[in-house]
Structure formats: structure tokens, C-alpha cells
């Protein structure tokens, strides 16, 4: 009896889906750390949004097992949304100075995830 060969999936192969999952996990972790620091210290430090972007980009790169421009754009969007939501929870309103934190955080996520 002859059977067709089964194609084994390469464990080191790039995956956009896993990369998006990594970006979601990284952005969530960064947002949790940023808001947790605010609750514990009672100090608002909006530039911690850079950490959200870095964690989102690194999570995307790590779980996606590689870099891709599309993954970078998605990671940047997720970092931007997580950062904006966290800043809104912290300040209760949108403060124009937070645009810097949003832009730099999204840039970090894009650069790390896109390679």
C-alpha cells in the first residue's frame, strides 16, 4: 500500500497569525504594566507607552518567528490602540501631549516587528 507523503510543518517557519497573537499579548502586557505602575505609584508617566510598543513588536517578532512589514504595521496598530486606551484610563481625557507617546510607541512596534 502506497501512501502520499505527509508534509510536516516547519517549526521555525514564519507565521503571521502567531505574530499577531504575539503583538496582542505584548501590547496587553505592556498596557498592564503601565497601568499597574500608575496605580501603585500614583504617578502618571505617559512615555511608558514606548514600552507598550516595544513589547508589542517584540512579541510579534518572537511568536511570528521572523519579521514582516505587514506584521510591523499590525503590531504598530495594536500598540497604538493599547497605548491610547491605557492613557485614557490614566488621564480620563485625551491630552495632546500624549500624541508623542502614541507615535513613538507605534514606531517602536513597527521597527521591531518589521525588522
PDB file of N, CA and C in Angstrom:
ATOM      1  N   UNK A   1       0.841  -1.176   0.000  1.00  0.00           N
ATOM      2  CA  UNK A   1       0.000   0.000   0.000  1.00  0.00           C
ATOM      3  C   UNK A   1       0.888   1.241   0.000  1.00  0.00           C
ATOM      4  N   UNK A   2       0.667   2.099  -0.953  1.00  0.00           N
ATOM      5  CA  UNK A   2       1.458   3.326  -1.078  1.00  0.00           C
ATOM      6  C   UNK A   2       0.629   4.485  -0.539  1.00  0.00           C
ATOM      7  N   UNK A   3       1.257   5.273   0.334  1.00  0.00           N
ATOM      8  CA  UNK A   3       0.572   6.446   0.882  1.00  0.00           C
ATOM      9  C   UNK A   3       1.298   7.703   0.438  1.00  0.00           C
ATOM     10  N   UNK A   4       0.558   8.767   0.357  1.00  0.00           N
ATOM     11  CA  UNK A   4       1.144  10.044  -0.023  1.00  0.00           C
ATOM     12  C   UNK A   4       1.972  10.581   1.137  1.00  0.00           C
ATOM     13  N   UNK A   5       3.106  11.204   0.822  1.00  0.00           N
ATOM     14  CA  UNK A   5       3.926  11.753   1.910  1.00  0.00           C
ATOM     15  C   UNK A   5       3.186  12.892   2.627  1.00  0.00           C
ATOM     16  N   UNK A   6       3.342  12.925   3.903  1.00  0.00           N
ATOM     17  CA  UNK A   6       2.710  13.960   4.718  1.00  0.00           C
ATOM     18  C   UNK A   6       3.697  15.098   4.881  1.00  0.00           C
ATOM     19  N   UNK A   7       3.243  16.287   4.552  1.00  0.00           N
ATOM     20  CA  UNK A   7       4.113  17.459   4.662  1.00  0.00           C
ATOM     21  C   UNK A   7       4.156  17.900   6.128  1.00  0.00           C
ATOM     22  N   UNK A   8       5.326  17.856   6.713  1.00  0.00           N
ATOM     23  CA  UNK A   8       5.486  18.301   8.098  1.00  0.00           C
ATOM     24  C   UNK A   8       5.666  19.810   8.121  1.00  0.00           C
ATOM     25  N   UNK A   9       4.969  20.458   9.043  1.00  0.00           N
ATOM     26  CA  UNK A   9       5.103  21.913   9.163  1.00  0.00           C
ATOM     27  C   UNK A   9       6.408  22.226   9.872  1.00  0.00           C
ATOM     28  N   UNK A  10       7.156  23.129   9.280  1.00  0.00           N
ATOM     29  CA  UNK A  10       8.439  23.531   9.848  1.00  0.00           C
ATOM     30  C   UNK A  10       8.198  24.395  11.081  1.00  0.00           C
ATOM     31  N   UNK A  11       8.792  24.003  12.208  1.00  0.00           N
ATOM     32  CA  UNK A  11       8.577  24.716  13.466  1.00  0.00           C
ATOM     33  C   UNK A  11       9.200  26.115  13.438  1.00  0.00           C
ATOM     34  N   UNK A  12      10.215  26.337  12.599  1.00  0.00           N
ATOM     35  CA  UNK A  12      10.885  27.621  12.548  1.00  0.00           C
ATOM     36  C   UNK A  12      10.355  28.527  11.460  1.00  0.00           C
ATOM     37  N   UNK A  13       9.211  28.200  10.890  1.00  0.00           N
ATOM     38  CA  UNK A  13       8.648  28.935   9.774  1.00  0.00           C
ATOM     39  C   UNK A  13       7.871  30.163  10.247  1.00  0.00           C
ATOM     40  N   UNK A  14       7.958  31.249   9.485  1.00  0.00           N
ATOM     41  CA  UNK A  14       7.238  32.485   9.820  1.00  0.00           C
ATOM     42  C   UNK A  14       5.739  32.257   9.767  1.00  0.00           C
ATOM     43  N   UNK A  15       5.016  32.837  10.733  1.00  0.00           N
ATOM     44  CA  UNK A  15       3.564  32.738  10.769  1.00  0.00           C
ATOM     45  C   UNK A  15       2.980  34.094  11.152  1.00  0.00           C
ATOM     46  N   UNK A  16       2.188  34.661  10.261  1.00  0.00           N
ATOM     47  CA  UNK A  16       1.570  35.957  10.522  1.00  0.00           C
ATOM     48  C   UNK A  16       0.556  35.861  11.661  1.00  0.00           C
ATOM     49  N   UNK A  17      -0.194  34.777  11.719  1.00  0.00           N
ATOM     50  CA  UNK A  17      -1.186  34.597  12.770  1.00  0.00           C
ATOM     51  C   UNK A  17      -0.566  34.557  14.158  1.00  0.00           C
ATOM     52  N   UNK A  18       0.506  33.778  14.283  1.00  0.00           N
ATOM     53  CA  UNK A  18       1.203  33.724  15.582  1.00  0.00           C
ATOM     54  C   UNK A  18       1.842  35.064  15.897  1.00  0.00           C
ATOM     55  N   UNK A  19       2.306  35.777  14.892  1.00  0.00           N
ATOM     56  CA  UNK A  19       2.880  37.098  15.102  1.00  0.00           C
ATOM     57  C   UNK A  19       1.854  38.087  15.623  1.00  0.00           C
ATOM     58  N   UNK A  20       0.652  38.030  15.077  1.00  0.00           N
ATOM     59  CA  UNK A  20      -0.422  38.901  15.558  1.00  0.00           C
ATOM     60  C   UNK A  20      -0.768  38.551  16.998  1.00  0.00           C
ATOM     61  N   UNK A  21      -0.823  37.266  17.300  1.00  0.00           N
ATOM     62  CA  UNK A  21      -1.070  36.846  18.681  1.00  0.00           C
ATOM     63  C   UNK A  21       0.015  37.378  19.613  1.00  0.00           C
ATOM     64  N   UNK A  22       1.265  37.314  19.181  1.00  0.00           N
ATOM     65  CA  UNK A  22       2.361  37.847  19.977  1.00  0.00           C
ATOM     66  C   UNK A  22       2.250  39.344  20.197  1.00  0.00           C
ATOM     67  N   UNK A  23       1.794  40.062  19.168  1.00  0.00           N
ATOM     68  CA  UNK A  23       1.610  41.508  19.304  1.00  0.00           C
ATOM     69  C   UNK A  23       0.493  41.828  20.289  1.00  0.00           C
ATOM     70  N   UNK A  24      -0.577  41.049  20.256  1.00  0.00           N
ATOM     71  CA  UNK A  24      -1.690  41.253  21.189  1.00  0.00           C
ATOM     72  C   UNK A  24      -1.236  40.992  22.624  1.00  0.00           C
ATOM     73  N   UNK A  25      -0.504  39.890  22.813  1.00  0.00           N
ATOM     74  CA  UNK A  25      -0.013  39.556  24.156  1.00  0.00           C
ATOM     75  C   UNK A  25       0.971  40.617  24.649  1.00  0.00           C
ATOM     76  N   UNK A  26       1.890  41.038  23.789  1.00  0.00           N
ATOM     77  CA  UNK A  26       2.870  42.047  24.172  1.00  0.00           C
ATOM     78  C   UNK A  26       2.232  43.392  24.501  1.00  0.00           C
ATOM     79  N   UNK A  27       1.269  43.801  23.673  1.00  0.00           N
ATOM     80  CA  UNK A  27       0.582  45.072  23.927  1.00  0.00           C
ATOM     81  C   UNK A  27      -0.228  45.000  25.219  1.00  0.00           C
ATOM     82  N   UNK A  28      -0.870  43.878  25.458  1.00  0.00           N
ATOM     83  CA  UNK A  28      -1.630  43.704  26.698  1.00  0.00           C
ATOM     84  C   UNK A  28      -0.741  43.709  27.921  1.00  0.00           C
ATOM     85  N   UNK A  29       0.397  43.043  27.820  1.00  0.00           N
ATOM     86  CA  UNK A  29       1.352  43.020  28.929  1.00  0.00           C
ATOM     87  C   UNK A  29       1.894  44.424  29.200  1.00  0.00           C
ATOM     88  N   UNK A  30       2.245  45.136  28.156  1.00  0.00           N
ATOM     89  CA  UNK A  30       2.753  46.498  28.311  1.00  0.00           C
ATOM     90  C   UNK A  30       1.717  47.435  28.907  1.00  0.00           C
ATOM     91  N   UNK A  31       0.472  47.316  28.439  1.00  0.00           N
ATOM     92  CA  UNK A  31      -0.599  48.162  28.973  1.00  0.00           C
ATOM     93  C   UNK A  31      -0.843  47.843  30.448  1.00  0.00           C
ATOM     94  N   UNK A  32      -0.809  46.565  30.795  1.00  0.00           N
ATOM     95  CA  UNK A  32      -0.982  46.171  32.191  1.00  0.00           C
ATOM     96  C   UNK A  32       0.126  46.699  33.081  1.00  0.00           C
ATOM     97  N   UNK A  33       1.352  46.631  32.592  1.00  0.00           N
ATOM     98  CA  UNK A  33       2.479  47.155  33.367  1.00  0.00           C
ATOM     99  C   UNK A  33       2.381  48.674  33.528  1.00  0.00           C
ATOM    100  N   UNK A  34       1.994  49.361  32.458  1.00  0.00           N
ATOM    101  CA  UNK A  34       1.891  50.814  32.515  1.00  0.00           C
ATOM    102  C   UNK A  34       0.797  51.251  33.494  1.00  0.00           C
ATOM    103  N   UNK A  35      -0.364  50.616  33.404  1.00  0.00           N
ATOM    104  CA  UNK A  35      -1.457  50.983  34.296  1.00  0.00           C
ATOM    105  C   UNK A  35      -1.167  50.529  35.737  1.00  0.00           C
ATOM    106  N   UNK A  36      -0.529  49.374  35.885  1.00  0.00           N
ATOM    107  CA  UNK A  36      -0.156  48.900  37.222  1.00  0.00           C
ATOM    108  C   UNK A  36       0.817  49.852  37.904  1.00  0.00           C
ATOM    109  N   UNK A  37       1.786  50.366  37.138  1.00  0.00           N
ATOM    110  CA  UNK A  37       2.734  51.341  37.688  1.00  0.00           C
ATOM    111  C   UNK A  37       1.999  52.597  38.133  1.00  0.00           C
ATOM    112  N   UNK A  38       1.026  53.015  37.328  1.00  0.00           N
ATOM    113  CA  UNK A  38       0.240  54.200  37.676  1.00  0.00           C
ATOM    114  C   UNK A  38      -0.544  53.972  38.968  1.00  0.00           C
ATOM    115  N   UNK A  39      -1.168  52.809  39.107  1.00  0.00           N
ATOM    116  CA  UNK A  39      -1.959  52.515  40.308  1.00  0.00           C
ATOM    117  C   UNK A  39      -1.075  52.386  41.553  1.00  0.00           C
ATOM    118  N   UNK A  40       0.071  51.729  41.401  1.00  0.00           N
ATOM    119  CA  UNK A  40       0.941  51.519  42.566  1.00  0.00           C
ATOM    120  C   UNK A  40       1.668  52.790  42.993  1.00  0.00           C
ATOM    121  N   UNK A  41       2.183  53.515  42.026  1.00  0.00           N
ATOM    122  CA  UNK A  41       2.992  54.691  42.352  1.00  0.00           C
ATOM    123  C   UNK A  41       2.162  55.978  42.415  1.00  0.00           C
ATOM    124  N   UNK A  42       0.995  55.974  41.793  1.00  0.00           N
ATOM    125  CA  UNK A  42       0.186  57.185  41.752  1.00  0.00           C
ATOM    126  C   UNK A  42       0.809  58.267  40.898  1.00  0.00           C
ATOM    127  N   UNK A  43       1.667  57.858  39.979  1.00  0.00           N
ATOM    128  CA  UNK A  43       2.414  58.787  39.143  1.00  0.00           C
ATOM    129  C   UNK A  43       2.100  58.498  37.690  1.00  0.00           C
ATOM    130  N   UNK A  44       1.724  59.522  36.934  1.00  0.00           N
ATOM    131  CA  UNK A  44       1.418  59.356  35.516  1.00  0.00           C
ATOM    132  C   UNK A  44       2.670  59.610  34.697  1.00  0.00           C
ATOM    133  N   UNK A  45       3.111  58.589  34.031  1.00  0.00           N
ATOM    134  CA  UNK A  45       4.300  58.694  33.187  1.00  0.00           C
ATOM    135  C   UNK A  45       3.915  58.225  31.788  1.00  0.00           C
ATOM    136  N   UNK A  46       3.390  59.134  30.941  1.00  0.00           N
ATOM    137  CA  UNK A  46       2.841  58.718  29.650  1.00  0.00           C
ATOM    138  C   UNK A  46       3.869  58.137  28.685  1.00  0.00           C
ATOM    139  N   UNK A  47       5.137  58.465  28.828  1.00  0.00           N
ATOM    140  CA  UNK A  47       6.118  57.922  27.887  1.00  0.00           C
ATOM    141  C   UNK A  47       6.417  56.444  28.122  1.00  0.00           C
ATOM    142  N   UNK A  48       5.765  55.845  29.124  1.00  0.00           N
ATOM    143  CA  UNK A  48       5.863  54.396  29.272  1.00  0.00           C
ATOM    144  C   UNK A  48       5.168  53.684  28.112  1.00  0.00           C
ATOM    145  N   UNK A  49       4.438  54.441  27.304  1.00  0.00           N
ATOM    146  CA  UNK A  49       3.816  53.890  26.107  1.00  0.00           C
ATOM    147  C   UNK A  49       4.840  53.355  25.123  1.00  0.00           C
ATOM    148  N   UNK A  50       6.066  53.825  25.243  1.00  0.00           N
ATOM    149  CA  UNK A  50       7.147  53.283  24.416  1.00  0.00           C
ATOM    150  C   UNK A  50       7.349  51.805  24.767  1.00  0.00           C
ATOM    151  N   UNK A  51       7.204  51.478  26.035  1.00  0.00           N
ATOM    152  CA  UNK A  51       7.318  50.084  26.464  1.00  0.00           C
ATOM    153  C   UNK A  51       6.218  49.223  25.879  1.00  0.00           C
ATOM    154  N   UNK A  52       5.012  49.777  25.761  1.00  0.00           N
ATOM    155  CA  UNK A  52       3.918  49.034  25.124  1.00  0.00           C
ATOM    156  C   UNK A  52       4.293  48.712  23.684  1.00  0.00           C
ATOM    157  N   UNK A  53       4.814  49.696  22.967  1.00  0.00           N
ATOM    158  CA  UNK A  53       5.216  49.465  21.583  1.00  0.00           C
ATOM    159  C   UNK A  53       6.337  48.463  21.461  1.00  0.00           C
ATOM    160  N   UNK A  54       7.323  48.568  22.342  1.00  0.00           N
ATOM    161  CA  UNK A  54       8.449  47.635  22.293  1.00  0.00           C
ATOM    162  C   UNK A  54       8.001  46.208  22.594  1.00  0.00           C
ATOM    163  N   UNK A  55       7.142  46.041  23.594  1.00  0.00           N
ATOM    164  CA  UNK A  55       6.668  44.703  23.922  1.00  0.00           C
ATOM    165  C   UNK A  55       5.767  44.130  22.831  1.00  0.00           C
ATOM    166  N   UNK A  56       4.955  44.969  22.211  1.00  0.00           N
ATOM    167  CA  UNK A  56       4.108  44.504  21.111  1.00  0.00           C
ATOM    168  C   UNK A  56       4.973  44.063  19.926  1.00  0.00           C
ATOM    169  N   UNK A  57       5.960  44.851  19.575  1.00  0.00           N
ATOM    170  CA  UNK A  57       6.842  44.497  18.465  1.00  0.00           C
ATOM    171  C   UNK A  57       7.666  43.256  18.753  1.00  0.00           C
ATOM    172  N   UNK A  58       8.190  43.163  19.972  1.00  0.00           N
ATOM    173  CA  UNK A  58       9.000  42.002  20.331  1.00  0.00           C
ATOM    174  C   UNK A  58       8.143  40.738  20.408  1.00  0.00           C
ATOM    175  N   UNK A  59       6.932  40.859  20.944  1.00  0.00           N
ATOM    176  CA  UNK A  59       6.041  39.701  20.998  1.00  0.00           C
ATOM    177  C   UNK A  59       5.681  39.214  19.604  1.00  0.00           C
ATOM    178  N   UNK A  60       5.430  40.153  18.697  1.00  0.00           N
ATOM    179  CA  UNK A  60       5.116  39.783  17.311  1.00  0.00           C
ATOM    180  C   UNK A  60       6.304  39.094  16.649  1.00  0.00           C
ATOM    181  N   UNK A  61       7.471  39.625  16.868  1.00  0.00           N
ATOM    182  CA  UNK A  61       8.678  39.055  16.266  1.00  0.00           C
ATOM    183  C   UNK A  61       8.991  37.670  16.839  1.00  0.00           C
ATOM    184  N   UNK A  62       8.802  37.525  18.145  1.00  0.00           N
ATOM    185  CA  UNK A  62       9.120  36.266  18.820  1.00  0.00           C
ATOM    186  C   UNK A  62       8.154  35.158  18.420  1.00  0.00           C
ATOM    187  N   UNK A  63       6.866  35.396  18.554  1.00  0.00           N
ATOM    188  CA  UNK A  63       5.905  34.345  18.235  1.00  0.00           C
ATOM    189  C   UNK A  63       5.742  34.143  16.730  1.00  0.00           C
ATOM    190  N   UNK A  64       5.927  35.195  15.948  1.00  0.00           N
ATOM    191  CA  UNK A  64       5.828  35.061  14.496  1.00  0.00           C
ATOM    192  C   UNK A  64       7.035  34.391  13.884  1.00  0.00           C
ATOM    193  N   UNK A  65       8.090  34.252  14.656  1.00  0.00           N
ATOM    194  CA  UNK A  65       9.355  33.640  14.224  1.00  0.00           C
ATOM    195  C   UNK A  65       9.920  34.319  12.979  1.00  0.00           C
ATOM    196  N   UNK A  66       9.948  35.634  13.046  1.00  0.00           N
ATOM    197  CA  UNK A  66      10.505  36.380  11.938  1.00  0.00           C
ATOM    198  C   UNK A  66       9.916  37.777  11.887  1.00  0.00           C
ATOM    199  N   UNK A  67      10.280  38.490  10.834  1.00  0.00           N
ATOM    200  CA  UNK A  67       9.801  39.856  10.670  1.00  0.00           C
ATOM    201  C   UNK A  67       9.105  39.992   9.325  1.00  0.00           C
ATOM    202  N   UNK A  68       8.205  40.957   9.253  1.00  0.00           N
ATOM    203  CA  UNK A  68       7.463  41.201   8.027  1.00  0.00           C
ATOM    204  C   UNK A  68       6.880  42.612   8.119  1.00  0.00           C
ATOM    205  N   UNK A  69       6.804  43.307   7.013  1.00  0.00           N
ATOM    206  CA  UNK A  69       6.264  44.657   7.010  1.00  0.00           C
ATOM    207  C   UNK A  69       4.798  44.667   7.439  1.00  0.00           C
ATOM    208  N   UNK A  70       4.023  43.714   6.952  1.00  0.00           N
ATOM    209  CA  UNK A  70       2.617  43.633   7.344  1.00  0.00           C
ATOM    210  C   UNK A  70       2.485  43.408   8.839  1.00  0.00           C
ATOM    211  N   UNK A  71       3.307  42.536   9.384  1.00  0.00           N
ATOM    212  CA  UNK A  71       3.290  42.278  10.820  1.00  0.00           C
ATOM    213  C   UNK A  71       3.682  43.533  11.591  1.00  0.00           C
ATOM    214  N   UNK A  72       4.619  44.302  11.065  1.00  0.00           N
ATOM    215  CA  UNK A  72       5.018  45.549  11.707  1.00  0.00           C
ATOM    216  C   UNK A  72       3.882  46.557  11.759  1.00  0.00           C
ATOM    217  N   UNK A  73       3.133  46.673  10.682  1.00  0.00           N
ATOM    218  CA  UNK A  73       2.002  47.607  10.643  1.00  0.00           C
ATOM    219  C   UNK A  73       0.914  47.166  11.621  1.00  0.00           C
ATOM    220  N   UNK A  74       0.638  45.867  11.663  1.00  0.00           N
ATOM    221  CA  UNK A  74      -0.379  45.351  12.584  1.00  0.00           C
ATOM    222  C   UNK A  74       0.062  45.550  14.030  1.00  0.00           C
ATOM    223  N   UNK A  75       1.322  45.267  14.327  1.00  0.00           N
ATOM    224  CA  UNK A  75       1.837  45.453  15.686  1.00  0.00           C
ATOM    225  C   UNK A  75       1.785  46.927  16.087  1.00  0.00           C
ATOM    226  N   UNK A  76       2.087  47.816  15.151  1.00  0.00           N
ATOM    227  CA  UNK A  76       2.022  49.249  15.438  1.00  0.00           C
ATOM    228  C   UNK A  76       0.589  49.681  15.738  1.00  0.00           C
ATOM    229  N   UNK A  77      -0.364  49.170  14.976  1.00  0.00           N
ATOM    230  CA  UNK A  77      -1.767  49.498  15.223  1.00  0.00           C
ATOM    231  C   UNK A  77      -2.252  48.995  16.569  1.00  0.00           C
ATOM    232  N   UNK A  78      -1.850  47.778  16.914  1.00  0.00           N
ATOM    233  CA  UNK A  78      -2.238  47.228  18.213  1.00  0.00           C
ATOM    234  C   UNK A  78      -1.587  47.989  19.355  1.00  0.00           C
ATOM    235  N   UNK A  79      -0.324  48.362  19.193  1.00  0.00           N
ATOM    236  CA  UNK A  79       0.363  49.144  20.223  1.00  0.00           C
ATOM    237  C   UNK A  79      -0.287  50.511  20.372  1.00  0.00           C
ATOM    238  N   UNK A  80      -0.670  51.115  19.255  1.00  0.00           N
ATOM    239  CA  UNK A  80      -1.332  52.419  19.283  1.00  0.00           C
ATOM    240  C   UNK A  80      -2.659  52.337  20.036  1.00  0.00           C
ATOM    241  N   UNK A  81      -3.450  51.302  19.759  1.00  0.00           N
ATOM    242  CA  UNK A  81      -4.744  51.142  20.426  1.00  0.00           C
ATOM    243  C   UNK A  81      -4.567  50.873  21.926  1.00  0.00           C
ATOM    244  N   UNK A  82      -3.626  49.992  22.272  1.00  0.00           N
ATOM    245  CA  UNK A  82      -3.393  49.683  23.687  1.00  0.00           C
ATOM    246  C   UNK A  82      -2.886  50.906  24.437  1.00  0.00           C
ATOM    247  N   UNK A  83      -1.997  51.638  23.805  1.00  0.00           N
ATOM    248  CA  UNK A  83      -1.441  52.840  24.423  1.00  0.00           C
ATOM    249  C   UNK A  83      -2.525  53.904  24.614  1.00  0.00           C
ATOM    250  N   UNK A  84      -3.353  54.127  23.602  1.00  0.00           N
ATOM    251  CA  UNK A  84      -4.417  55.123  23.699  1.00  0.00           C
ATOM    252  C   UNK A  84      -5.420  54.744  24.782  1.00  0.00           C
ATOM    253  N   UNK A  85      -5.781  53.473  24.850  1.00  0.00           N
ATOM    254  CA  UNK A  85      -6.715  53.023  25.874  1.00  0.00           C
ATOM    255  C   UNK A  85      -6.160  53.182  27.279  1.00  0.00           C
ATOM    256  N   UNK A  86      -4.892  52.844  27.458  1.00  0.00           N
ATOM    257  CA  UNK A  86      -4.273  52.970  28.769  1.00  0.00           C
ATOM    258  C   UNK A  86      -4.144  54.433  29.179  1.00  0.00           C
ATOM    259  N   UNK A  87      -3.747  55.278  28.258  1.00  0.00           N
ATOM    260  CA  UNK A  87      -3.641  56.707  28.570  1.00  0.00           C
ATOM    261  C   UNK A  87      -5.000  57.310  28.896  1.00  0.00           C
ATOM    262  N   UNK A  88      -6.036  56.837  28.219  1.00  0.00           N
ATOM    263  CA  UNK A  88      -7.376  57.324  28.526  1.00  0.00           C
ATOM    264  C   UNK A  88      -7.807  56.893  29.930  1.00  0.00           C
ATOM    265  N   UNK A  89      -7.480  55.644  30.312  1.00  0.00           N
ATOM    266  CA  UNK A  89      -7.789  55.181  31.664  1.00  0.00           C
ATOM    267  C   UNK A  89      -7.038  55.992  32.717  1.00  0.00           C
ATOM    268  N   UNK A  90      -5.815  56.361  32.407  1.00  0.00           N
ATOM    269  CA  UNK A  90      -4.994  57.086  33.366  1.00  0.00           C
ATOM    270  C   UNK A  90      -5.419  58.553  33.506  1.00  0.00           C
ATOM    271  N   UNK A  91      -5.668  59.216  32.384  1.00  0.00           N
ATOM    272  CA  UNK A  91      -5.945  60.649  32.408  1.00  0.00           C
ATOM    273  C   UNK A  91      -7.438  60.971  32.399  1.00  0.00           C
ATOM    274  N   UNK A  92      -8.272  60.046  31.926  1.00  0.00           N
ATOM    275  CA  UNK A  92      -9.701  60.289  31.859  1.00  0.00           C
ATOM    276  C   UNK A  92     -10.114  61.185  30.705  1.00  0.00           C
ATOM    277  N   UNK A  93      -9.152  61.645  29.941  1.00  0.00           N
ATOM    278  CA  UNK A  93      -9.401  62.521  28.802  1.00  0.00           C
ATOM    279  C   UNK A  93      -8.191  62.409  27.889  1.00  0.00           C
ATOM    280  N   UNK A  94      -8.340  62.863  26.655  1.00  0.00           N
ATOM    281  CA  UNK A  94      -7.197  62.827  25.754  1.00  0.00           C
ATOM    282  C   UNK A  94      -6.392  64.114  25.905  1.00  0.00           C
ATOM    283  N   UNK A  95      -5.155  63.971  26.292  1.00  0.00           N
ATOM    284  CA  UNK A  95      -4.252  65.109  26.451  1.00  0.00           C
ATOM    285  C   UNK A  95      -3.365  65.158  25.217  1.00  0.00           C
ATOM    286  N   UNK A  96      -3.227  66.319  24.607  1.00  0.00           N
ATOM    287  CA  UNK A  96      -2.489  66.438  23.347  1.00  0.00           C
ATOM    288  C   UNK A  96      -1.032  66.002  23.466  1.00  0.00           C
ATOM    289  N   UNK A  97      -0.431  66.171  24.625  1.00  0.00           N
ATOM    290  CA  UNK A  97       0.966  65.775  24.821  1.00  0.00           C
ATOM    291  C   UNK A  97       1.130  64.268  24.637  1.00  0.00           C
ATOM    292  N   UNK A  98       0.067  63.512  24.845  1.00  0.00           N
ATOM    293  CA  UNK A  98       0.140  62.052  24.702  1.00  0.00           C
ATOM    294  C   UNK A  98       0.353  61.606  23.258  1.00  0.00           C
ATOM    295  N   UNK A  99       0.190  62.497  22.305  1.00  0.00           N
ATOM    296  CA  UNK A  99       0.419  62.150  20.904  1.00  0.00           C
ATOM    297  C   UNK A  99       1.859  61.676  20.711  1.00  0.00           C
ATOM    298  N   UNK A 100       2.773  62.265  21.438  1.00  0.00           N
ATOM    299  CA  UNK A 100       4.182  61.866  21.336  1.00  0.00           C
ATOM    300  C   UNK A 100       4.344  60.414  21.779  1.00  0.00           C
ATOM    301  N   UNK A 101       3.739  60.064  22.901  1.00  0.00           N
ATOM    302  CA  UNK A 101       3.816  58.693  23.400  1.00  0.00           C
ATOM    303  C   UNK A 101       3.172  57.720  22.424  1.00  0.00           C
ATOM    304  N   UNK A 102       2.049  58.091  21.853  1.00  0.00           N
ATOM    305  CA  UNK A 102       1.369  57.229  20.886  1.00  0.00           C
ATOM    306  C   UNK A 102       2.235  57.003  19.650  1.00  0.00           C
ATOM    307  N   UNK A 103       2.803  58.077  19.123  1.00  0.00           N
ATOM    308  CA  UNK A 103       3.608  57.976  17.903  1.00  0.00           C
ATOM    309  C   UNK A 103       4.890  57.183  18.128  1.00  0.00           C
ATOM    310  N   UNK A 104       5.584  57.462  19.214  1.00  0.00           N
ATOM    311  CA  UNK A 104       6.853  56.774  19.471  1.00  0.00           C
ATOM    312  C   UNK A 104       6.605  55.299  19.786  1.00  0.00           C
ATOM    313  N   UNK A 105       5.549  54.998  20.540  1.00  0.00           N
ATOM    314  CA  UNK A 105       5.221  53.604  20.835  1.00  0.00           C
ATOM    315  C   UNK A 105       4.892  52.819  19.583  1.00  0.00           C
ATOM    316  N   UNK A 106       4.091  53.410  18.693  1.00  0.00           N
ATOM    317  CA  UNK A 106       3.750  52.737  17.434  1.00  0.00           C
ATOM    318  C   UNK A 106       4.985  52.560  16.552  1.00  0.00           C
ATOM    319  N   UNK A 107       5.869  53.562  16.538  1.00  0.00           N
ATOM    320  CA  UNK A 107       7.098  53.460  15.750  1.00  0.00           C
ATOM    321  C   UNK A 107       7.985  52.316  16.254  1.00  0.00           C
ATOM    322  N   UNK A 108       8.122  52.215  17.568  1.00  0.00           N
ATOM    323  CA  UNK A 108       8.923  51.124  18.139  1.00  0.00           C
ATOM    324  C   UNK A 108       8.354  49.776  17.748  1.00  0.00           C
ATOM    325  N   UNK A 109       7.034  49.615  17.854  1.00  0.00           N
ATOM    326  CA  UNK A 109       6.399  48.339  17.494  1.00  0.00           C
ATOM    327  C   UNK A 109       6.656  48.009  16.027  1.00  0.00           C
ATOM    328  N   UNK A 110       6.515  48.995  15.159  1.00  0.00           N
ATOM    329  CA  UNK A 110       6.729  48.766  13.729  1.00  0.00           C
ATOM    330  C   UNK A 110       8.174  48.370  13.443  1.00  0.00           C
ATOM    331  N   UNK A 111       9.121  49.112  14.004  1.00  0.00           N
ATOM    332  CA  UNK A 111      10.538  48.850  13.720  1.00  0.00           C
ATOM    333  C   UNK A 111      10.972  47.481  14.228  1.00  0.00           C
ATOM    334  N   UNK A 112      10.493  47.087  15.397  1.00  0.00           N
ATOM    335  CA  UNK A 112      10.908  45.801  15.955  1.00  0.00           C
ATOM    336  C   UNK A 112      10.266  44.640  15.189  1.00  0.00           C
ATOM    337  N   UNK A 113       8.977  44.760  14.874  1.00  0.00           N
ATOM    338  CA  UNK A 113       8.278  43.662  14.217  1.00  0.00           C
ATOM    339  C   UNK A 113       8.568  43.556  12.726  1.00  0.00           C
ATOM    340  N   UNK A 114       8.929  44.669  12.089  1.00  0.00           N
ATOM    341  CA  UNK A 114       9.166  44.609  10.648  1.00  0.00           C
ATOM    342  C   UNK A 114      10.622  44.350  10.295  1.00  0.00           C
ATOM    343  N   UNK A 115      11.478  44.426  11.281  1.00  0.00           N
ATOM    344  CA  UNK A 115      12.884  44.111  11.053  1.00  0.00           C
ATOM    345  C   UNK A 115      13.603  45.228  10.506  1.00  0.00           C
TER     346      UNK A 115
END
